[in-house]
Amino acid sequence: MTNRIRNLRFEHAEMTQAELAERVGVTRQTVIAIEKGRYSPSLETAFRIARVFAVPLEQAFQYTDEQHTDEQHTNEEGTAP
């Protein structure tokens, strides 16, 4: 999963990680981990973050199905059924 949290913070009056954390109800360390892709937030937290920025969930978070991508790539090469 990837996200645009850092970009969204800067697009919204350069909101700090601490400000976002307070508005969402998590710790600053959690915001840091989410931004760096080290932690995937709960669905509730993801919706709260998107709501803070008034954007759809998909604009804040993007899910890449690596397994599907790998299978699709393998199928294109003709090495898997």
PDB file of N, CA and C in Angstrom:
ATOM      1  N   MET A   1       0.843  -1.172   0.000  1.00  0.00           N
ATOM      2  CA  MET A   1       0.000   0.000   0.000  1.00  0.00           C
ATOM      3  C   MET A   1       0.890   1.237   0.000  1.00  0.00           C
ATOM      4  N   THR A   2       0.524   2.199  -0.808  1.00  0.00           N
ATOM      5  CA  THR A   2       1.229   3.472  -0.832  1.00  0.00           C
ATOM      6  C   THR A   2       0.253   4.558  -0.391  1.00  0.00           C
ATOM      7  N   ASN A   3       0.801   5.732  -0.101  1.00  0.00           N
ATOM      8  CA  ASN A   3      -0.084   6.815   0.311  1.00  0.00           C
ATOM      9  C   ASN A   3       0.501   8.161  -0.096  1.00  0.00           C
ATOM     10  N   ARG A   4      -0.359   9.170  -0.038  1.00  0.00           N
ATOM     11  CA  ARG A   4       0.019  10.543  -0.367  1.00  0.00           C
ATOM     12  C   ARG A   4      -0.102  11.446   0.854  1.00  0.00           C
ATOM     13  N   ILE A   5      -0.001  10.874   2.047  1.00  0.00           N
ATOM     14  CA  ILE A   5      -0.235  11.635   3.268  1.00  0.00           C
ATOM     15  C   ILE A   5       0.705  12.832   3.374  1.00  0.00           C
ATOM     16  N   ARG A   6       1.971  12.624   3.146  1.00  0.00           N
ATOM     17  CA  ARG A   6       2.924  13.733   3.264  1.00  0.00           C
ATOM     18  C   ARG A   6       2.557  14.862   2.297  1.00  0.00           C
ATOM     19  N   ASN A   7       2.261  14.505   1.044  1.00  0.00           N
ATOM     20  CA  ASN A   7       1.866  15.518   0.055  1.00  0.00           C
ATOM     21  C   ASN A   7       0.594  16.238   0.491  1.00  0.00           C
ATOM     22  N   LEU A   8      -0.371  15.481   0.986  1.00  0.00           N
ATOM     23  CA  LEU A   8      -1.620  16.090   1.415  1.00  0.00           C
ATOM     24  C   LEU A   8      -1.408  17.044   2.589  1.00  0.00           C
ATOM     25  N   ARG A   9      -0.512  16.687   3.483  1.00  0.00           N
ATOM     26  CA  ARG A   9      -0.220  17.586   4.615  1.00  0.00           C
ATOM     27  C   ARG A   9       0.314  18.921   4.107  1.00  0.00           C
ATOM     28  N   PHE A  10       1.224  18.863   3.143  1.00  0.00           N
ATOM     29  CA  PHE A  10       1.810  20.096   2.620  1.00  0.00           C
ATOM     30  C   PHE A  10       0.817  20.888   1.775  1.00  0.00           C
ATOM     31  N   GLU A  11      -0.112  20.196   1.130  1.00  0.00           N
ATOM     32  CA  GLU A  11      -1.149  20.880   0.362  1.00  0.00           C
ATOM     33  C   GLU A  11      -2.174  21.554   1.269  1.00  0.00           C
ATOM     34  N   HIS A  12      -2.222  21.152   2.530  1.00  0.00           N
ATOM     35  CA  HIS A  12      -3.176  21.697   3.490  1.00  0.00           C
ATOM     36  C   HIS A  12      -2.445  22.527   4.542  1.00  0.00           C
ATOM     37  N   ALA A  13      -1.935  23.651   4.097  1.00  0.00           N
ATOM     38  CA  ALA A  13      -1.284  24.628   4.976  1.00  0.00           C
ATOM     39  C   ALA A  13      -0.102  24.042   5.736  1.00  0.00           C
ATOM     40  N   GLU A  14       0.618  23.129   5.071  1.00  0.00           N
ATOM     41  CA  GLU A  14       1.804  22.508   5.669  1.00  0.00           C
ATOM     42  C   GLU A  14       1.523  21.977   7.076  1.00  0.00           C
ATOM     43  N   MET A  15       0.440  21.214   7.179  1.00  0.00           N
ATOM     44  CA  MET A  15       0.055  20.591   8.441  1.00  0.00           C
ATOM     45  C   MET A  15       1.193  19.709   8.948  1.00  0.00           C
ATOM     46  N   THR A  16       1.474  19.791  10.221  1.00  0.00           N
ATOM     47  CA  THR A  16       2.540  18.964  10.787  1.00  0.00           C
ATOM     48  C   THR A  16       2.029  17.553  11.054  1.00  0.00           C
ATOM     49  N   GLN A  17       2.965  16.648  11.231  1.00  0.00           N
ATOM     50  CA  GLN A  17       2.594  15.280  11.590  1.00  0.00           C
ATOM     51  C   GLN A  17       1.860  15.265  12.920  1.00  0.00           C
ATOM     52  N   ALA A  18       2.297  16.094  13.846  1.00  0.00           N
ATOM     53  CA  ALA A  18       1.652  16.163  15.162  1.00  0.00           C
ATOM     54  C   ALA A  18       0.209  16.658  15.047  1.00  0.00           C
ATOM     55  N   GLU A  19      -0.021  17.656  14.195  1.00  0.00           N
ATOM     56  CA  GLU A  19      -1.383  18.169  14.000  1.00  0.00           C
ATOM     57  C   GLU A  19      -2.285  17.104  13.396  1.00  0.00           C
ATOM     58  N   LEU A  20      -1.773  16.400  12.398  1.00  0.00           N
ATOM     59  CA  LEU A  20      -2.561  15.334  11.779  1.00  0.00           C
ATOM     60  C   LEU A  20      -2.858  14.247  12.800  1.00  0.00           C
ATOM     61  N   ALA A  21      -1.850  13.855  13.546  1.00  0.00           N
ATOM     62  CA  ALA A  21      -2.034  12.808  14.553  1.00  0.00           C
ATOM     63  C   ALA A  21      -3.121  13.195  15.552  1.00  0.00           C
ATOM     64  N   GLU A  22      -3.091  14.429  16.006  1.00  0.00           N
ATOM     65  CA  GLU A  22      -4.086  14.891  16.980  1.00  0.00           C
ATOM     66  C   GLU A  22      -5.490  14.861  16.386  1.00  0.00           C
ATOM     67  N   ARG A  23      -5.625  15.305  15.157  1.00  0.00           N
ATOM     68  CA  ARG A  23      -6.946  15.341  14.513  1.00  0.00           C
ATOM     69  C   ARG A  23      -7.497  13.952  14.230  1.00  0.00           C
ATOM     70  N   VAL A  24      -6.592  12.992  13.989  1.00  0.00           N
ATOM     71  CA  VAL A  24      -7.016  11.631  13.665  1.00  0.00           C
ATOM     72  C   VAL A  24      -7.178  10.778  14.929  1.00  0.00           C
ATOM     73  N   GLY A  25      -6.453  11.143  15.982  1.00  0.00           N
ATOM     74  CA  GLY A  25      -6.539  10.371  17.227  1.00  0.00           C
ATOM     75  C   GLY A  25      -5.503   9.266  17.317  1.00  0.00           C
ATOM     76  N   VAL A  26      -4.337   9.506  16.707  1.00  0.00           N
ATOM     77  CA  VAL A  26      -3.231   8.549  16.780  1.00  0.00           C
ATOM     78  C   VAL A  26      -1.988   9.299  17.245  1.00  0.00           C
ATOM     79  N   THR A  27      -0.899   8.580  17.425  1.00  0.00           N
ATOM     80  CA  THR A  27       0.344   9.235  17.831  1.00  0.00           C
ATOM     81  C   THR A  27       1.084   9.758  16.599  1.00  0.00           C
ATOM     82  N   ARG A  28       1.991  10.696  16.834  1.00  0.00           N
ATOM     83  CA  ARG A  28       2.825  11.220  15.744  1.00  0.00           C
ATOM     84  C   ARG A  28       3.658  10.091  15.144  1.00  0.00           C
ATOM     85  N   GLN A  29       4.118   9.175  15.991  1.00  0.00           N
ATOM     86  CA  GLN A  29       4.907   8.050  15.498  1.00  0.00           C
ATOM     87  C   GLN A  29       4.097   7.188  14.528  1.00  0.00           C
ATOM     88  N   THR A  30       2.802   7.067  14.777  1.00  0.00           N
ATOM     89  CA  THR A  30       1.936   6.311  13.871  1.00  0.00           C
ATOM     90  C   THR A  30       1.854   7.007  12.520  1.00  0.00           C
ATOM     91  N   VAL A  31       1.702   8.325  12.527  1.00  0.00           N
ATOM     92  CA  VAL A  31       1.654   9.081  11.270  1.00  0.00           C
ATOM     93  C   VAL A  31       2.963   8.901  10.507  1.00  0.00           C
ATOM     94  N   ILE A  32       4.081   8.980  11.209  1.00  0.00           N
ATOM     95  CA  ILE A  32       5.390   8.793  10.568  1.00  0.00           C
ATOM     96  C   ILE A  32       5.463   7.413   9.914  1.00  0.00           C
ATOM     97  N   ALA A  33       5.075   6.378  10.647  1.00  0.00           N
ATOM     98  CA  ALA A  33       5.131   5.007  10.127  1.00  0.00           C
ATOM     99  C   ALA A  33       4.215   4.834   8.923  1.00  0.00           C
ATOM    100  N   ILE A  34       3.024   5.438   8.954  1.00  0.00           N
ATOM    101  CA  ILE A  34       2.101   5.346   7.816  1.00  0.00           C
ATOM    102  C   ILE A  34       2.707   6.038   6.600  1.00  0.00           C
ATOM    103  N   GLU A  35       3.229   7.248   6.796  1.00  0.00           N
ATOM    104  CA  GLU A  35       3.820   7.991   5.679  1.00  0.00           C
ATOM    105  C   GLU A  35       4.966   7.229   5.029  1.00  0.00           C
ATOM    106  N   LYS A  36       5.769   6.554   5.832  1.00  0.00           N
ATOM    107  CA  LYS A  36       6.926   5.828   5.305  1.00  0.00           C
ATOM    108  C   LYS A  36       6.562   4.453   4.763  1.00  0.00           C
ATOM    109  N   GLY A  37       5.301   4.069   4.882  1.00  0.00           N
ATOM    110  CA  GLY A  37       4.858   2.774   4.374  1.00  0.00           C
ATOM    111  C   GLY A  37       5.256   1.617   5.254  1.00  0.00           C
ATOM    112  N   ARG A  38       5.624   1.886   6.478  1.00  0.00           N
ATOM    113  CA  ARG A  38       6.013   0.832   7.417  1.00  0.00           C
ATOM    114  C   ARG A  38       4.824   0.265   8.174  1.00  0.00           C
ATOM    115  N   TYR A  39       3.701   0.956   8.096  1.00  0.00           N
ATOM    116  CA  TYR A  39       2.515   0.547   8.844  1.00  0.00           C
ATOM    117  C   TYR A  39       1.290   0.835   8.005  1.00  0.00           C
ATOM    118  N   SER A  40       0.415  -0.149   7.884  1.00  0.00           N
ATOM    119  CA  SER A  40      -0.858   0.053   7.189  1.00  0.00           C
ATOM    120  C   SER A  40      -1.911   0.351   8.245  1.00  0.00           C
ATOM    121  N   PRO A  41      -2.560   1.494   8.139  1.00  0.00           N
ATOM    122  CA  PRO A  41      -3.534   1.859   9.154  1.00  0.00           C
ATOM    123  C   PRO A  41      -4.787   0.995   9.073  1.00  0.00           C
ATOM    124  N   SER A  42      -5.540   0.981  10.159  1.00  0.00           N
ATOM    125  CA  SER A  42      -6.833   0.316  10.124  1.00  0.00           C
ATOM    126  C   SER A  42      -7.719   1.063   9.142  1.00  0.00           C
ATOM    127  N   LEU A  43      -8.764   0.426   8.709  1.00  0.00           N
ATOM    128  CA  LEU A  43      -9.684   1.060   7.776  1.00  0.00           C
ATOM    129  C   LEU A  43     -10.280   2.324   8.400  1.00  0.00           C
ATOM    130  N   GLU A  44     -10.621   2.255   9.678  1.00  0.00           N
ATOM    131  CA  GLU A  44     -11.171   3.413  10.374  1.00  0.00           C
ATOM    132  C   GLU A  44     -10.178   4.581  10.378  1.00  0.00           C
ATOM    133  N   THR A  45      -8.918   4.303  10.681  1.00  0.00           N
ATOM    134  CA  THR A  45      -7.901   5.355  10.703  1.00  0.00           C
ATOM    135  C   THR A  45      -7.683   5.919   9.305  1.00  0.00           C
ATOM    136  N   ALA A  46      -7.675   5.061   8.303  1.00  0.00           N
ATOM    137  CA  ALA A  46      -7.505   5.522   6.925  1.00  0.00           C
ATOM    138  C   ALA A  46      -8.634   6.467   6.533  1.00  0.00           C
ATOM    139  N   PHE A  47      -9.871   6.121   6.890  1.00  0.00           N
ATOM    140  CA  PHE A  47     -11.005   6.994   6.592  1.00  0.00           C
ATOM    141  C   PHE A  47     -10.892   8.312   7.352  1.00  0.00           C
ATOM    142  N   ARG A  48     -10.442   8.264   8.591  1.00  0.00           N
ATOM    143  CA  ARG A  48     -10.276   9.494   9.372  1.00  0.00           C
ATOM    144  C   ARG A  48      -9.243  10.418   8.715  1.00  0.00           C
ATOM    145  N   ILE A  49      -8.137   9.826   8.258  1.00  0.00           N
ATOM    146  CA  ILE A  49      -7.103  10.627   7.594  1.00  0.00           C
ATOM    147  C   ILE A  49      -7.668  11.267   6.331  1.00  0.00           C
ATOM    148  N   ALA A  50      -8.349  10.493   5.518  1.00  0.00           N
ATOM    149  CA  ALA A  50      -8.939  11.032   4.291  1.00  0.00           C
ATOM    150  C   ALA A  50      -9.940  12.131   4.622  1.00  0.00           C
ATOM    151  N   ARG A  51     -10.707  11.948   5.666  1.00  0.00           N
ATOM    152  CA  ARG A  51     -11.705  12.947   6.052  1.00  0.00           C
ATOM    153  C   ARG A  51     -11.044  14.258   6.484  1.00  0.00           C
ATOM    154  N   VAL A  52      -9.911  14.176   7.188  1.00  0.00           N
ATOM    155  CA  VAL A  52      -9.191  15.391   7.595  1.00  0.00           C
ATOM    156  C   VAL A  52      -8.844  16.227   6.372  1.00  0.00           C
ATOM    157  N   PHE A  53      -8.452  15.571   5.296  1.00  0.00           N
ATOM    158  CA  PHE A  53      -8.056  16.274   4.082  1.00  0.00           C
ATOM    159  C   PHE A  53      -9.217  16.483   3.111  1.00  0.00           C
ATOM    160  N   ALA A  54     -10.398  15.981   3.469  1.00  0.00           N
ATOM    161  CA  ALA A  54     -11.596  16.109   2.627  1.00  0.00           C
ATOM    162  C   ALA A  54     -11.362  15.541   1.229  1.00  0.00           C
ATOM    163  N   VAL A  55     -10.751  14.347   1.197  1.00  0.00           N
ATOM    164  CA  VAL A  55     -10.510  13.661  -0.074  1.00  0.00           C
ATOM    165  C   VAL A  55     -11.060  12.243   0.021  1.00  0.00           C
ATOM    166  N   PRO A  56     -11.357  11.630  -1.123  1.00  0.00           N
ATOM    167  CA  PRO A  56     -11.769  10.226  -1.099  1.00  0.00           C
ATOM    168  C   PRO A  56     -10.621   9.350  -0.584  1.00  0.00           C
ATOM    169  N   LEU A  57     -10.956   8.239  -0.002  1.00  0.00           N
ATOM    170  CA  LEU A  57      -9.960   7.318   0.543  1.00  0.00           C
ATOM    171  C   LEU A  57      -8.899   6.970  -0.503  1.00  0.00           C
ATOM    172  N   GLU A  58      -9.331   6.743  -1.739  1.00  0.00           N
ATOM    173  CA  GLU A  58      -8.417   6.352  -2.809  1.00  0.00           C
ATOM    174  C   GLU A  58      -7.427   7.449  -3.177  1.00  0.00           C
ATOM    175  N   GLN A  59      -7.730   8.684  -2.831  1.00  0.00           N
ATOM    176  CA  GLN A  59      -6.797   9.770  -3.115  1.00  0.00           C
ATOM    177  C   GLN A  59      -5.702   9.833  -2.051  1.00  0.00           C
ATOM    178  N   ALA A  60      -5.997   9.339  -0.865  1.00  0.00           N
ATOM    179  CA  ALA A  60      -5.010   9.328   0.216  1.00  0.00           C
ATOM    180  C   ALA A  60      -4.189   8.042   0.212  1.00  0.00           C
ATOM    181  N   PHE A  61      -4.843   6.922  -0.095  1.00  0.00           N
ATOM    182  CA  PHE A  61      -4.183   5.613  -0.056  1.00  0.00           C
ATOM    183  C   PHE A  61      -4.397   4.876  -1.364  1.00  0.00           C
ATOM    184  N   GLN A  62      -3.341   4.205  -1.831  1.00  0.00           N
ATOM    185  CA  GLN A  62      -3.436   3.398  -3.036  1.00  0.00           C
ATOM    186  C   GLN A  62      -2.975   1.981  -2.698  1.00  0.00           C
ATOM    187  N   TYR A  63      -3.770   1.019  -3.122  1.00  0.00           N
ATOM    188  CA  TYR A  63      -3.425  -0.380  -2.872  1.00  0.00           C
ATOM    189  C   TYR A  63      -2.953  -1.014  -4.159  1.00  0.00           C
ATOM    190  N   THR A  64      -1.782  -1.598  -4.102  1.00  0.00           N
ATOM    191  CA  THR A  64      -1.264  -2.333  -5.250  1.00  0.00           C
ATOM    192  C   THR A  64      -1.276  -3.802  -4.901  1.00  0.00           C
ATOM    193  N   ASP A  65      -1.960  -4.547  -5.695  1.00  0.00           N
ATOM    194  CA  ASP A  65      -2.048  -5.985  -5.464  1.00  0.00           C
ATOM    195  C   ASP A  65      -0.842  -6.635  -6.130  1.00  0.00           C
ATOM    196  N   GLU A  66       0.263  -6.736  -5.387  1.00  0.00           N
ATOM    197  CA  GLU A  66       1.513  -7.258  -5.952  1.00  0.00           C
ATOM    198  C   GLU A  66       1.355  -8.690  -6.444  1.00  0.00           C
ATOM    199  N   GLN A  67       0.587  -9.496  -5.717  1.00  0.00           N
ATOM    200  CA  GLN A  67       0.391 -10.878  -6.141  1.00  0.00           C
ATOM    201  C   GLN A  67      -0.318 -10.903  -7.484  1.00  0.00           C
ATOM    202  N   HIS A  68      -1.356 -10.087  -7.644  1.00  0.00           N
ATOM    203  CA  HIS A  68      -2.088 -10.029  -8.908  1.00  0.00           C
ATOM    204  C   HIS A  68      -1.170  -9.537 -10.022  1.00  0.00           C
ATOM    205  N   THR A  69      -0.374  -8.536  -9.743  1.00  0.00           N
ATOM    206  CA  THR A  69       0.552  -7.996 -10.731  1.00  0.00           C
ATOM    207  C   THR A  69       1.561  -9.058 -11.145  1.00  0.00           C
ATOM    208  N   ASP A  70       2.096  -9.819 -10.163  1.00  0.00           N
ATOM    209  CA  ASP A  70       3.043 -10.882 -10.473  1.00  0.00           C
ATOM    210  C   ASP A  70       2.391 -11.958 -11.330  1.00  0.00           C
ATOM    211  N   GLU A  71       1.151 -12.346 -10.987  1.00  0.00           N
ATOM    212  CA  GLU A  71       0.455 -13.369 -11.762  1.00  0.00           C
ATOM    213  C   GLU A  71       0.186 -12.883 -13.172  1.00  0.00           C
ATOM    214  N   GLN A  72      -0.203 -11.626 -13.301  1.00  0.00           N
ATOM    215  CA  GLN A  72      -0.485 -11.062 -14.606  1.00  0.00           C
ATOM    216  C   GLN A  72       0.786 -11.029 -15.452  1.00  0.00           C
ATOM    217  N   HIS A  73       1.902 -10.643 -14.836  1.00  0.00           N
ATOM    218  CA  HIS A  73       3.178 -10.591 -15.541  1.00  0.00           C
ATOM    219  C   HIS A  73       3.587 -11.990 -15.989  1.00  0.00           C
ATOM    220  N   THR A  74       3.404 -12.974 -15.114  1.00  0.00           N
ATOM    221  CA  THR A  74       3.752 -14.348 -15.447  1.00  0.00           C
ATOM    222  C   THR A  74       2.888 -14.848 -16.602  1.00  0.00           C
ATOM    223  N   ASN A  75       1.589 -14.539 -16.562  1.00  0.00           N
ATOM    224  CA  ASN A  75       0.680 -14.966 -17.630  1.00  0.00           C
ATOM    225  C   ASN A  75       1.062 -14.345 -18.964  1.00  0.00           C
ATOM    226  N   GLU A  76       1.502 -13.105 -18.953  1.00  0.00           N
ATOM    227  CA  GLU A  76       1.895 -12.442 -20.181  1.00  0.00           C
ATOM    228  C   GLU A  76       3.112 -13.102 -20.796  1.00  0.00           C
ATOM    229  N   GLU A  77       3.994 -13.662 -19.945  1.00  0.00           N
ATOM    230  CA  GLU A  77       5.190 -14.324 -20.455  1.00  0.00           C
ATOM    231  C   GLU A  77       4.890 -15.746 -20.905  1.00  0.00           C
ATOM    232  N   GLY A  78       3.688 -16.238 -20.554  1.00  0.00           N
ATOM    233  CA  GLY A  78       3.293 -17.575 -20.952  1.00  0.00           C
ATOM    234  C   GLY A  78       3.925 -18.668 -20.129  1.00  0.00           C
ATOM    235  N   THR A  79       4.394 -18.355 -18.906  1.00  0.00           N
ATOM    236  CA  THR A  79       5.036 -19.382 -18.085  1.00  0.00           C
ATOM    237  C   THR A  79       4.142 -19.903 -16.997  1.00  0.00           C
ATOM    238  N   ALA A  80       2.924 -19.411 -16.927  1.00  0.00           N
ATOM    239  CA  ALA A  80       1.982 -19.902 -15.924  1.00  0.00           C
ATOM    240  C   ALA A  80       0.623 -20.048 -16.569  1.00  0.00           C
ATOM    241  N   PRO A  81      -0.214 -20.914 -16.018  1.00  0.00           N
ATOM    242  CA  PRO A  81      -1.557 -21.097 -16.626  1.00  0.00           C
ATOM    243  C   PRO A  81      -2.396 -19.866 -16.542  1.00  0.00           C
TER     244      PRO A  81
END
